Amino acid sequence: MAWLRLLATILALLATAGVAHSFEFHEDTVDAIQLGFRNGSLTSAALVRFYLDQIRRLKPLLHAVIEVNPDALRQAKRADAERRRGTATGPLHGVPVLLKDNIATRDALNTTAGSLALLGSVVKRDAGVAARLRRAGAVVLGKASLSEWANFRNVRNGWSARGGQTRNPYVLSSDPCGSSSGSGVAAAANMAAVTLGTETDGSILCPSSFNSVVGIKPTLGLTSRAGVVPITTRQDSVGPMCRTVSDAVHVLDAIVGYDKLDAAATRAASKYIPYGGYLQFLKKDGLRGKRIGVPNVLFQQGLGEKQMRVYEQQLGRMRLLSYFKSP
């Protein structure tokens, strides 16, 4: 029976070898995507095709994407060619990104803030954050839906005349929350590797929470608002909405910095950007020695038994990590 054991071992090795060169598209992270690019199991073009298919299939149900970029596949193929030449530009090179539909791009894409009044508004210049993403090699996949005029019109969360009603992918009848609902839903439902949202008052943080993704609202001026449909210069901010913390930090590193078209705010904030970026702070013992205030009364309002159990588990994990010391 030794030959049977040998055959089983060979088959297991062959199966393992096949897995090593395959790529799992669902729930892929930026780091996993870059690994796939390096080991030859993935191309930017294949990734764009996957996301375009996801958008096509899920749009009638979720209404998270308002428009796709007709140039996305060409951008992806160019990124693949650059990678073959050894001229890739960083962790977002060849990575598809969806932008909220109040962030301008110079592609053949409308920038409408969800309003029919701006349909046909195709601008000639990228917003500051879009330009930075492009310099980082990211592929502009399209525009995510939003609450019309970023909820300045005071509509139902996730609704716009142009995009319809965005729906929470976990519970269709649940509130998708905030004006960046399309970005949050798209990230949660694997319609893009990463997305961008904007916040004036809760429009990144709320849809990130309600759709179980990670959102970062940067300090005012850390990211440029140039080319973004405004509400107020005192509060508007552009930030990442992604499936993981590390993905969000990769995007944050790409979009922060000075922009002469939003000079006053970005000049003041840029001096606080750490040398080497934010990714350096993602480490296992990052919470060690930290004191974190928890407003229990606020957080526990409306939580059911299951939610409370998860909430307490996560608080306990944070307490343990505050004492954790990596070897």
Protein backbone atom coordinates (compact mmCIF):
# COMPACT_ATOMS: atom_id res chain seq x y z
CA MET A 1 0.00 0.00 0.00
CA ALA A 2 3.06 2.25 0.02
CA TRP A 3 2.39 3.25 -3.59
CA LEU A 4 -1.07 4.51 -2.59
CA ARG A 5 0.44 6.73 0.09
CA LEU A 6 3.01 7.97 -2.44
CA LEU A 7 0.25 8.73 -4.96
CA ALA A 8 -1.75 10.59 -2.31
CA THR A 9 1.33 12.65 -1.42
CA ILE A 10 1.97 13.53 -5.07
CA LEU A 11 -1.65 14.56 -5.60
CA ALA A 12 -1.55 16.72 -2.46
CA LEU A 13 1.63 18.42 -3.67
CA LEU A 14 0.09 19.04 -7.08
CA ALA A 15 -3.02 20.49 -5.47
CA THR A 16 -0.89 22.73 -3.26
CA ALA A 17 1.11 23.89 -6.26
CA GLY A 18 -2.11 24.76 -8.08
CA VAL A 19 -3.36 26.78 -5.12
CA ALA A 20 -0.10 28.72 -4.97
CA HIS A 21 -0.71 30.07 -8.45
CA SER A 22 -4.43 30.80 -8.13
CA PHE A 23 -6.00 34.00 -6.88
CA GLU A 24 -9.06 34.44 -4.70
CA PHE A 25 -10.85 37.56 -5.92
CA HIS A 26 -13.40 37.84 -3.10
CA GLU A 27 -12.23 39.75 -0.03
CA ASP A 28 -8.83 40.36 -1.64
CA THR A 29 -6.65 42.95 0.07
CA VAL A 30 -4.20 45.39 -1.47
CA ASP A 31 -1.30 43.30 -0.16
CA ALA A 32 -2.82 40.09 -1.58
CA ILE A 33 -3.36 41.81 -4.93
CA GLN A 34 0.26 42.94 -5.07
CA LEU A 35 1.41 39.42 -4.17
CA GLY A 36 -0.75 38.09 -7.02
CA PHE A 37 0.84 40.58 -9.39
CA ARG A 38 4.31 39.48 -8.32
CA ASN A 39 3.76 35.72 -8.50
CA GLY A 40 1.94 35.88 -11.82
CA SER A 41 -1.45 34.61 -10.58
CA LEU A 42 -3.14 37.95 -11.26
CA THR A 43 -3.13 40.87 -13.68
CA SER A 44 -4.70 44.28 -13.34
CA ALA A 45 -6.80 43.57 -16.43
CA ALA A 46 -8.21 40.37 -14.88
CA LEU A 47 -8.96 42.24 -11.66
CA VAL A 48 -10.80 45.03 -13.50
CA ARG A 49 -12.84 42.47 -15.45
CA PHE A 50 -13.82 40.77 -12.18
CA TYR A 51 -14.98 44.03 -10.58
CA LEU A 52 -16.84 45.15 -13.70
CA ASP A 53 -18.69 41.83 -13.68
CA GLN A 54 -19.48 42.25 -9.97
CA ILE A 55 -20.84 45.74 -10.63
CA ARG A 56 -22.91 44.54 -13.58
CA ARG A 57 -24.45 41.70 -11.58
CA LEU A 58 -25.07 43.58 -8.34
CA LYS A 59 -26.02 47.03 -9.58
CA PRO A 60 -29.73 46.19 -10.09
CA LEU A 61 -29.89 45.04 -6.48
CA LEU A 62 -27.56 47.39 -4.58
CA HIS A 63 -27.26 50.54 -6.74
CA ALA A 64 -23.81 51.23 -5.27
CA VAL A 65 -22.07 52.28 -8.49
CA ILE A 66 -23.43 55.14 -10.53
CA GLU A 67 -21.11 54.85 -13.54
CA VAL A 68 -18.15 52.76 -14.70
CA ASN A 69 -15.11 54.13 -16.48
CA PRO A 70 -14.96 53.10 -20.16
CA ASP A 71 -11.19 53.58 -19.95
CA ALA A 72 -10.65 51.32 -16.91
CA LEU A 73 -9.56 48.23 -18.83
CA ARG A 74 -7.07 50.23 -20.91
CA GLN A 75 -5.63 51.75 -17.72
CA ALA A 76 -5.30 48.25 -16.26
CA LYS A 77 -3.49 46.90 -19.33
CA ARG A 78 -1.12 49.86 -19.17
CA ALA A 79 -0.42 49.07 -15.51
CA ASP A 80 0.33 45.46 -16.46
CA ALA A 81 2.76 46.65 -19.14
CA GLU A 82 4.47 48.98 -16.65
CA ARG A 83 4.85 46.13 -14.21
CA ARG A 84 6.49 43.95 -16.86
CA ARG A 85 8.93 46.79 -17.55
CA GLY A 86 9.67 47.11 -13.83
CA THR A 87 8.19 50.60 -13.50
CA ALA A 88 5.38 49.89 -11.01
CA THR A 89 4.90 52.86 -8.67
CA GLY A 90 3.87 51.36 -5.33
CA PRO A 91 1.24 49.35 -3.42
CA LEU A 92 -1.71 50.84 -5.35
CA HIS A 93 -0.19 50.30 -8.79
CA GLY A 94 -2.78 48.54 -10.96
CA VAL A 95 -5.34 48.47 -8.13
CA PRO A 96 -8.92 49.46 -9.14
CA VAL A 97 -10.53 52.22 -7.09
CA LEU A 98 -14.06 53.63 -7.06
CA LEU A 99 -14.49 57.34 -6.30
CA LYS A 100 -17.58 58.92 -4.80
CA ASP A 101 -19.49 60.78 -7.50
CA ASN A 102 -18.65 64.20 -6.09
CA ILE A 103 -14.93 63.70 -6.80
CA ALA A 104 -13.91 64.91 -10.25
CA THR A 105 -11.85 62.86 -12.70
CA ARG A 106 -10.55 63.73 -16.16
CA ASP A 107 -11.75 60.39 -17.55
CA ALA A 108 -14.88 60.24 -19.68
CA LEU A 109 -16.91 60.11 -16.47
CA ASN A 110 -19.62 62.42 -15.21
CA THR A 111 -19.14 64.17 -11.86
CA THR A 112 -22.68 64.90 -10.74
CA ALA A 113 -22.99 64.45 -6.94
CA GLY A 114 -25.88 62.16 -7.88
CA SER A 115 -27.91 64.98 -9.42
CA LEU A 116 -29.49 64.96 -12.87
CA ALA A 117 -28.80 68.70 -12.95
CA LEU A 118 -25.08 67.97 -13.48
CA LEU A 119 -25.45 65.08 -15.92
CA GLY A 120 -23.01 65.73 -18.74
CA SER A 121 -20.54 67.43 -16.41
CA VAL A 122 -17.29 65.83 -17.63
CA VAL A 123 -14.39 67.88 -16.31
CA LYS A 124 -10.92 68.37 -17.78
CA ARG A 125 -8.90 68.05 -14.56
CA ASP A 126 -8.65 65.46 -11.81
CA ALA A 127 -9.55 66.33 -8.26
CA GLY A 128 -6.44 66.56 -6.08
CA VAL A 129 -7.00 63.12 -4.54
CA ALA A 130 -7.75 61.54 -7.93
CA ALA A 131 -4.51 62.95 -9.33
CA ARG A 132 -2.57 61.46 -6.42
CA LEU A 133 -4.21 58.06 -6.89
CA ARG A 134 -3.34 58.17 -10.57
CA ARG A 135 0.29 59.03 -9.78
CA ALA A 136 0.31 56.02 -7.45
CA GLY A 137 -0.72 53.87 -10.42
CA ALA A 138 -4.29 53.15 -9.32
CA VAL A 139 -6.94 52.36 -11.94
CA VAL A 140 -10.03 54.62 -11.82
CA LEU A 141 -12.80 52.03 -12.07
CA GLY A 142 -15.76 54.40 -11.87
CA LYS A 143 -17.96 56.48 -9.60
CA ALA A 144 -19.76 55.27 -6.49
CA SER A 145 -23.30 56.40 -5.80
CA LEU A 146 -24.16 58.70 -2.91
CA SER A 147 -26.92 60.59 -1.17
CA GLU A 148 -27.65 63.35 -3.67
CA TRP A 149 -25.47 66.47 -3.17
CA ALA A 150 -23.73 64.54 -0.37
CA ASN A 151 -26.97 64.75 1.64
CA PHE A 152 -26.94 68.55 1.52
CA ARG A 153 -30.32 68.17 -0.16
CA ASN A 154 -31.48 66.23 2.91
CA VAL A 155 -32.65 63.11 1.07
CA ARG A 156 -32.96 59.54 2.29
CA ASN A 157 -29.56 58.01 3.03
CA GLY A 158 -28.10 56.52 -0.16
CA TRP A 159 -30.71 57.94 -2.54
CA SER A 160 -30.04 60.11 -5.56
CA ALA A 161 -32.10 60.97 -8.61
CA ARG A 162 -29.34 59.64 -10.82
CA GLY A 163 -28.35 56.52 -8.95
CA GLY A 164 -31.53 55.37 -7.23
CA GLN A 165 -31.56 53.88 -3.72
CA THR A 166 -28.32 52.32 -2.53
CA ARG A 167 -28.94 49.26 -0.35
CA ASN A 168 -27.01 47.69 2.48
CA PRO A 169 -25.55 44.42 1.10
CA TYR A 170 -26.05 42.53 4.38
CA VAL A 171 -29.66 43.53 5.06
CA LEU A 172 -31.30 45.10 2.02
CA SER A 173 -33.91 46.89 4.09
CA SER A 174 -31.32 48.33 6.47
CA ASP A 175 -30.05 51.92 6.31
CA PRO A 176 -26.79 52.11 4.26
CA CYS A 177 -26.15 55.39 6.11
CA GLY A 178 -24.32 58.58 5.22
CA SER A 179 -23.75 60.23 1.88
CA SER A 180 -20.80 57.93 1.04
CA SER A 181 -23.11 54.91 1.15
CA GLY A 182 -22.21 53.79 -2.38
CA SER A 183 -18.52 53.69 -1.51
CA GLY A 184 -19.18 51.67 1.65
CA VAL A 185 -21.52 49.21 -0.07
CA ALA A 186 -19.16 48.79 -3.05
CA ALA A 187 -16.25 47.98 -0.76
CA ALA A 188 -18.32 45.53 1.28
CA ALA A 189 -19.74 43.77 -1.80
CA ASN A 190 -16.41 43.33 -3.62
CA MET A 191 -17.12 45.83 -6.39
CA ALA A 192 -13.69 47.43 -6.06
CA ALA A 193 -10.47 46.79 -4.21
CA VAL A 194 -10.68 50.16 -2.47
CA THR A 195 -12.97 53.19 -2.53
CA LEU A 196 -12.96 56.88 -1.62
CA GLY A 197 -15.66 58.74 0.26
CA THR A 198 -16.09 62.27 1.54
CA GLU A 199 -17.27 63.49 4.91
CA THR A 200 -18.67 66.71 6.25
CA ASP A 201 -20.45 65.21 9.25
CA GLY A 202 -20.45 61.41 9.47
CA SER A 203 -20.55 60.62 5.75
CA ILE A 204 -17.49 58.34 5.84
CA LEU A 205 -17.74 56.98 9.37
CA CYS A 206 -21.45 56.14 9.37
CA PRO A 207 -21.64 54.13 6.11
CA SER A 208 -18.37 52.40 7.03
CA SER A 209 -19.95 51.31 10.31
CA PHE A 210 -23.28 50.27 8.82
CA ASN A 211 -21.67 48.30 5.96
CA SER A 212 -18.89 46.70 8.06
CA VAL A 213 -15.92 48.30 6.34
CA VAL A 214 -13.07 50.51 7.53
CA GLY A 215 -13.38 54.25 6.98
CA ILE A 216 -10.92 57.00 7.85
CA LYS A 217 -11.94 60.65 8.01
CA PRO A 218 -8.62 62.50 7.74
CA THR A 219 -7.90 65.67 9.68
CA LEU A 220 -9.11 68.70 7.74
CA GLY A 221 -6.56 69.59 5.07
CA LEU A 222 -4.67 66.33 5.22
CA THR A 223 -6.29 65.48 1.87
CA SER A 224 -7.09 68.02 -0.82
CA ARG A 225 -10.70 69.09 -1.48
CA ALA A 226 -9.83 70.63 -4.86
CA GLY A 227 -12.16 69.21 -7.49
CA VAL A 228 -14.65 67.91 -4.92
CA VAL A 229 -18.22 69.24 -4.88
CA PRO A 230 -18.17 71.24 -1.63
CA ILE A 231 -20.44 71.68 1.34
CA THR A 232 -18.23 73.62 3.75
CA THR A 233 -14.48 74.27 3.75
CA ARG A 234 -14.54 74.11 7.55
CA GLN A 235 -15.45 70.41 7.66
CA ASP A 236 -15.14 68.70 4.24
CA SER A 237 -12.59 65.89 4.05
CA VAL A 238 -11.81 63.06 1.61
CA GLY A 239 -10.86 59.64 2.94
CA PRO A 240 -10.59 55.91 2.22
CA MET A 241 -13.30 53.30 2.70
CA CYS A 242 -11.95 49.76 2.45
CA ARG A 243 -12.39 46.24 3.77
CA THR A 244 -9.34 46.26 6.04
CA VAL A 245 -7.35 48.74 8.09
CA SER A 246 -4.19 48.10 6.08
CA ASP A 247 -6.02 48.76 2.80
CA ALA A 248 -7.36 52.04 4.16
CA VAL A 249 -3.87 53.08 5.26
CA HIS A 250 -2.40 52.25 1.85
CA VAL A 251 -4.98 54.57 0.29
CA LEU A 252 -4.46 57.25 2.93
CA ASP A 253 -0.71 57.27 2.26
CA ALA A 254 -1.42 57.79 -1.44
CA ILE A 255 -3.85 60.72 -1.12
CA VAL A 256 -2.44 62.92 1.66
CA GLY A 257 -0.29 65.96 0.98
CA TYR A 258 -0.04 69.54 -0.20
CA ASP A 259 -2.10 70.74 -3.15
CA LYS A 260 -1.72 74.28 -4.48
CA LEU A 261 -5.41 74.25 -5.44
CA ASP A 262 -6.36 73.75 -1.78
CA ALA A 263 -3.27 75.53 -0.50
CA ALA A 264 -4.28 77.04 2.83
CA ALA A 265 -5.68 73.86 4.35
CA THR A 266 -3.21 71.36 2.88
CA ARG A 267 -0.18 73.53 3.72
CA ALA A 268 -1.25 73.76 7.35
CA ALA A 269 -1.94 70.03 7.66
CA SER A 270 0.92 68.61 5.59
CA LYS A 271 3.50 69.34 8.30
CA TYR A 272 1.79 66.69 10.44
CA ILE A 273 2.15 63.90 7.85
CA PRO A 274 4.73 61.46 9.27
CA TYR A 275 7.90 60.89 7.30
CA GLY A 276 7.58 57.47 5.68
CA GLY A 277 3.78 57.51 5.79
CA TYR A 278 1.21 55.91 8.05
CA LEU A 279 1.78 52.24 7.17
CA GLN A 280 4.76 52.13 9.53
CA PHE A 281 2.35 52.36 12.48
CA LEU A 282 0.50 49.14 11.61
CA LYS A 283 2.26 46.78 14.00
CA LYS A 284 1.09 44.05 16.33
CA ASP A 285 2.00 45.89 19.50
CA GLY A 286 0.63 49.22 18.32
CA LEU A 287 -1.84 49.42 21.20
CA ARG A 288 0.72 48.58 23.89
CA GLY A 289 0.71 51.18 26.63
CA LYS A 290 -2.17 53.13 25.09
CA ARG A 291 -5.13 54.44 27.08
CA ILE A 292 -8.40 54.53 25.13
CA GLY A 293 -11.57 56.11 26.43
CA VAL A 294 -14.79 54.17 25.76
CA PRO A 295 -18.13 56.04 26.04
CA ASN A 296 -20.15 52.98 27.02
CA VAL A 297 -23.45 54.78 27.39
CA LEU A 298 -23.22 56.07 23.80
CA PHE A 299 -21.97 52.82 22.27
CA GLN A 300 -24.43 50.54 24.05
CA GLN A 301 -27.55 52.40 22.99
CA GLY A 302 -29.74 50.20 20.81
CA LEU A 303 -27.43 47.17 20.92
CA GLY A 304 -29.01 43.75 21.14
CA GLU A 305 -27.64 40.75 23.03
CA LYS A 306 -25.48 39.50 20.14
CA GLN A 307 -24.09 42.95 19.40
CA MET A 308 -23.27 43.50 23.08
CA ARG A 309 -21.42 40.19 23.19
CA VAL A 310 -19.27 41.15 20.18
CA TYR A 311 -18.76 44.64 21.61
CA GLU A 312 -17.50 43.24 24.93
CA GLN A 313 -15.27 40.72 23.14
CA GLN A 314 -13.60 43.47 21.13
CA LEU A 315 -13.08 45.64 24.21
CA GLY A 316 -11.45 42.67 25.90
CA ARG A 317 -9.22 42.10 22.89
CA MET A 318 -8.14 45.75 22.95
CA ARG A 319 -7.31 45.48 26.64
CA LEU A 320 -5.16 42.43 25.97
CA LEU A 321 -3.38 44.13 23.07
CA SER A 322 -2.62 47.13 25.24
CA TYR A 323 -0.39 44.79 27.27
CA PHE A 324 0.87 42.80 24.27
CA LYS A 325 4.58 42.83 23.49
CA SER A 326 5.75 41.29 20.23
CA PRO A 327 8.69 38.87 20.50
